[in-house]
Amino acid sequence: MPARVHPDVPGEPALAKRVGLRIRTLRLRKGLTMSELGSDRRGRVYFEKQYVWKMETGRVTPTLPALSHIAKRLGTSLASLLRGL
């Protein structure tokens, strides 16, 4: 179950939006759709398009395993995905 952004945690909404923007930017640069980003190379779906949209718009806080999958699909490391945020 995805974790919704908790407005009472200092900085969480802003951080979720920055992470989402980074994911969206890298996804578009790679030419992937939201559906492709949520799937593996074999087409197995891990995250529905709606969940990817919620991540990219900062409406949910992705888990570490979700971020790891996203980073792998984007051809980067988890550290690089989060660096500087």
N, C-alpha and C. Protein backbone atom coordinates (compact mmCIF):
# COMPACT_ATOMS: atom_id res chain seq x y z
N MET A 1 0.84 -1.18 0.00
CA MET A 1 0.00 0.00 0.00
C MET A 1 0.89 1.25 0.00
N PRO A 2 0.72 2.12 -0.98
CA PRO A 2 1.56 3.33 -1.02
C PRO A 2 1.26 4.25 0.15
N ALA A 3 2.30 4.90 0.62
CA ALA A 3 2.14 5.83 1.72
C ALA A 3 1.79 7.20 1.16
N ARG A 4 0.71 7.74 1.65
CA ARG A 4 0.34 9.09 1.23
C ARG A 4 1.29 10.07 1.89
N VAL A 5 1.47 11.20 1.25
CA VAL A 5 2.32 12.22 1.82
C VAL A 5 1.66 12.74 3.07
N HIS A 6 2.43 12.81 4.14
CA HIS A 6 1.91 13.27 5.42
C HIS A 6 2.25 14.74 5.60
N PRO A 7 1.25 15.63 5.55
CA PRO A 7 1.52 17.06 5.60
C PRO A 7 2.12 17.55 6.91
N ASP A 8 2.02 16.76 7.98
CA ASP A 8 2.55 17.19 9.27
C ASP A 8 4.04 16.88 9.45
N VAL A 9 4.60 16.06 8.56
CA VAL A 9 6.02 15.75 8.65
C VAL A 9 6.77 16.88 7.95
N PRO A 10 7.63 17.58 8.68
CA PRO A 10 8.31 18.74 8.10
C PRO A 10 9.07 18.40 6.82
N GLY A 11 8.76 19.09 5.75
CA GLY A 11 9.47 18.94 4.49
C GLY A 11 9.04 17.79 3.61
N GLU A 12 8.17 16.90 4.11
CA GLU A 12 7.81 15.72 3.30
C GLU A 12 7.07 16.09 2.01
N PRO A 13 6.07 16.98 2.04
CA PRO A 13 5.40 17.30 0.78
C PRO A 13 6.35 17.89 -0.27
N ALA A 14 7.23 18.77 0.14
CA ALA A 14 8.17 19.39 -0.80
C ALA A 14 9.16 18.36 -1.33
N LEU A 15 9.63 17.47 -0.47
CA LEU A 15 10.57 16.43 -0.89
C LEU A 15 9.90 15.47 -1.86
N ALA A 16 8.66 15.08 -1.57
CA ALA A 16 7.93 14.17 -2.46
C ALA A 16 7.77 14.79 -3.84
N LYS A 17 7.51 16.09 -3.90
CA LYS A 17 7.38 16.76 -5.19
C LYS A 17 8.70 16.83 -5.94
N ARG A 18 9.80 17.06 -5.23
CA ARG A 18 11.11 17.12 -5.88
C ARG A 18 11.51 15.75 -6.42
N VAL A 19 11.25 14.70 -5.63
CA VAL A 19 11.55 13.33 -6.09
C VAL A 19 10.70 13.02 -7.32
N GLY A 20 9.43 13.36 -7.26
CA GLY A 20 8.52 13.11 -8.38
C GLY A 20 8.95 13.82 -9.64
N LEU A 21 9.38 15.07 -9.50
CA LEU A 21 9.83 15.83 -10.66
C LEU A 21 11.08 15.21 -11.26
N ARG A 22 11.99 14.74 -10.40
CA ARG A 22 13.21 14.08 -10.89
C ARG A 22 12.84 12.80 -11.65
N ILE A 23 11.91 12.01 -11.11
CA ILE A 23 11.48 10.77 -11.76
C ILE A 23 10.86 11.09 -13.13
N ARG A 24 9.98 12.08 -13.16
CA ARG A 24 9.32 12.45 -14.42
C ARG A 24 10.34 12.92 -15.46
N THR A 25 11.26 13.77 -15.05
CA THR A 25 12.27 14.28 -15.97
C THR A 25 13.10 13.15 -16.57
N LEU A 26 13.55 12.24 -15.72
CA LEU A 26 14.36 11.11 -16.20
C LEU A 26 13.53 10.16 -17.08
N ARG A 27 12.27 9.95 -16.71
CA ARG A 27 11.40 9.07 -17.49
C ARG A 27 11.21 9.64 -18.90
N LEU A 28 10.93 10.92 -18.98
CA LEU A 28 10.74 11.54 -20.29
C LEU A 28 12.02 11.54 -21.11
N ARG A 29 13.14 11.76 -20.44
CA ARG A 29 14.44 11.74 -21.12
C ARG A 29 14.72 10.36 -21.72
N LYS A 30 14.30 9.29 -21.00
CA LYS A 30 14.49 7.92 -21.48
C LYS A 30 13.44 7.51 -22.51
N GLY A 31 12.38 8.32 -22.64
CA GLY A 31 11.32 8.00 -23.60
C GLY A 31 10.39 6.91 -23.13
N LEU A 32 10.24 6.76 -21.82
CA LEU A 32 9.36 5.74 -21.26
C LEU A 32 7.99 6.33 -20.93
N THR A 33 6.95 5.52 -21.10
CA THR A 33 5.63 5.91 -20.63
C THR A 33 5.54 5.57 -19.14
N MET A 34 4.49 6.06 -18.50
CA MET A 34 4.29 5.73 -17.09
C MET A 34 4.09 4.23 -16.92
N SER A 35 3.37 3.62 -17.83
CA SER A 35 3.15 2.17 -17.77
C SER A 35 4.45 1.39 -17.91
N GLU A 36 5.31 1.83 -18.84
CA GLU A 36 6.59 1.16 -19.02
C GLU A 36 7.48 1.31 -17.80
N LEU A 37 7.43 2.47 -17.17
CA LEU A 37 8.24 2.70 -15.97
C LEU A 37 7.80 1.78 -14.84
N GLY A 38 6.51 1.53 -14.74
CA GLY A 38 5.99 0.68 -13.67
C GLY A 38 6.13 -0.80 -13.91
N SER A 39 6.63 -1.18 -15.09
CA SER A 39 6.79 -2.59 -15.45
C SER A 39 8.27 -2.93 -15.56
N ASP A 40 8.55 -4.23 -15.62
CA ASP A 40 9.93 -4.62 -15.89
C ASP A 40 10.10 -4.83 -17.38
N ARG A 41 11.28 -5.21 -17.81
CA ARG A 41 11.56 -5.36 -19.24
C ARG A 41 10.72 -6.46 -19.90
N ARG A 42 10.26 -7.40 -19.10
CA ARG A 42 9.43 -8.49 -19.63
C ARG A 42 7.95 -8.12 -19.68
N GLY A 43 7.62 -6.93 -19.16
CA GLY A 43 6.23 -6.49 -19.19
C GLY A 43 5.43 -6.80 -17.94
N ARG A 44 6.08 -7.39 -16.93
CA ARG A 44 5.36 -7.66 -15.68
C ARG A 44 5.11 -6.33 -14.98
N VAL A 45 3.89 -6.10 -14.59
CA VAL A 45 3.51 -4.83 -13.98
C VAL A 45 3.76 -4.87 -12.48
N TYR A 46 4.56 -3.92 -12.00
CA TYR A 46 4.82 -3.77 -10.57
C TYR A 46 4.03 -2.59 -10.00
N PHE A 47 3.93 -1.53 -10.80
CA PHE A 47 3.22 -0.33 -10.36
C PHE A 47 2.31 0.13 -11.49
N GLU A 48 1.05 0.33 -11.17
CA GLU A 48 0.09 0.80 -12.16
C GLU A 48 0.43 2.23 -12.57
N LYS A 49 -0.04 2.61 -13.74
CA LYS A 49 0.18 3.94 -14.28
C LYS A 49 -0.26 5.03 -13.28
N GLN A 50 -1.37 4.79 -12.62
CA GLN A 50 -1.90 5.77 -11.66
C GLN A 50 -0.94 5.98 -10.49
N TYR A 51 -0.30 4.90 -10.02
CA TYR A 51 0.66 5.03 -8.93
C TYR A 51 1.88 5.83 -9.38
N VAL A 52 2.35 5.58 -10.60
CA VAL A 52 3.49 6.33 -11.14
C VAL A 52 3.12 7.80 -11.22
N TRP A 53 1.92 8.10 -11.68
CA TRP A 53 1.45 9.48 -11.76
C TRP A 53 1.44 10.12 -10.37
N LYS A 54 0.94 9.39 -9.38
CA LYS A 54 0.91 9.92 -8.01
C LYS A 54 2.31 10.17 -7.47
N MET A 55 3.27 9.30 -7.82
CA MET A 55 4.66 9.53 -7.42
C MET A 55 5.20 10.80 -8.08
N GLU A 56 4.96 10.92 -9.38
CA GLU A 56 5.51 12.05 -10.12
C GLU A 56 4.92 13.38 -9.69
N THR A 57 3.71 13.37 -9.19
CA THR A 57 3.07 14.62 -8.76
C THR A 57 3.21 14.86 -7.27
N GLY A 58 3.89 13.97 -6.56
CA GLY A 58 4.13 14.17 -5.14
C GLY A 58 2.95 13.85 -4.24
N ARG A 59 2.00 13.08 -4.75
CA ARG A 59 0.82 12.74 -3.95
C ARG A 59 1.05 11.53 -3.04
N VAL A 60 2.04 10.71 -3.38
CA VAL A 60 2.42 9.58 -2.54
C VAL A 60 3.92 9.61 -2.33
N THR A 61 4.35 9.04 -1.22
CA THR A 61 5.77 8.89 -0.94
C THR A 61 6.16 7.46 -1.30
N PRO A 62 6.97 7.28 -2.34
CA PRO A 62 7.34 5.91 -2.73
C PRO A 62 8.23 5.24 -1.69
N THR A 63 8.08 3.94 -1.58
CA THR A 63 8.91 3.16 -0.66
C THR A 63 10.31 3.01 -1.26
N LEU A 64 11.25 2.57 -0.46
CA LEU A 64 12.61 2.33 -0.98
C LEU A 64 12.63 1.26 -2.06
N PRO A 65 11.91 0.14 -1.90
CA PRO A 65 11.88 -0.84 -2.99
C PRO A 65 11.29 -0.27 -4.28
N ALA A 66 10.27 0.59 -4.15
CA ALA A 66 9.68 1.22 -5.34
C ALA A 66 10.70 2.14 -6.00
N LEU A 67 11.40 2.94 -5.20
CA LEU A 67 12.42 3.84 -5.74
C LEU A 67 13.56 3.05 -6.39
N SER A 68 13.91 1.92 -5.80
CA SER A 68 14.96 1.07 -6.36
C SER A 68 14.54 0.56 -7.74
N HIS A 69 13.31 0.09 -7.86
CA HIS A 69 12.80 -0.38 -9.15
C HIS A 69 12.80 0.75 -10.17
N ILE A 70 12.32 1.92 -9.77
CA ILE A 70 12.25 3.07 -10.66
C ILE A 70 13.66 3.45 -11.13
N ALA A 71 14.61 3.51 -10.20
CA ALA A 71 15.99 3.86 -10.56
C ALA A 71 16.55 2.86 -11.57
N LYS A 72 16.30 1.58 -11.34
CA LYS A 72 16.80 0.55 -12.24
C LYS A 72 16.20 0.71 -13.64
N ARG A 73 14.90 0.97 -13.72
CA ARG A 73 14.23 1.16 -15.02
C ARG A 73 14.74 2.41 -15.73
N LEU A 74 15.17 3.41 -14.94
CA LEU A 74 15.66 4.65 -15.52
C LEU A 74 17.16 4.57 -15.85
N GLY A 75 17.78 3.44 -15.52
CA GLY A 75 19.19 3.26 -15.83
C GLY A 75 20.13 4.05 -14.94
N THR A 76 19.73 4.26 -13.71
CA THR A 76 20.55 5.00 -12.77
C THR A 76 20.56 4.28 -11.43
N SER A 77 21.37 4.74 -10.52
CA SER A 77 21.39 4.14 -9.19
C SER A 77 20.41 4.89 -8.29
N LEU A 78 20.04 4.25 -7.21
CA LEU A 78 19.15 4.88 -6.24
C LEU A 78 19.82 6.13 -5.67
N ALA A 79 21.10 6.05 -5.42
CA ALA A 79 21.85 7.20 -4.88
C ALA A 79 21.80 8.37 -5.86
N SER A 80 21.99 8.09 -7.15
CA SER A 80 21.96 9.15 -8.16
C SER A 80 20.56 9.75 -8.28
N LEU A 81 19.55 8.90 -8.16
CA LEU A 81 18.17 9.38 -8.25
C LEU A 81 17.86 10.39 -7.15
N LEU A 82 18.42 10.14 -5.96
CA LEU A 82 18.10 10.98 -4.81
C LEU A 82 19.15 12.06 -4.52
N ARG A 83 20.28 12.00 -5.19
CA ARG A 83 21.38 12.95 -4.92
C ARG A 83 20.93 14.39 -5.11
N GLY A 84 21.25 15.22 -4.14
CA GLY A 84 20.99 16.65 -4.24
C GLY A 84 19.59 17.09 -3.91
N LEU A 85 18.74 16.17 -3.53
CA LEU A 85 17.37 16.56 -3.19
C LEU A 85 17.32 17.00 -1.75
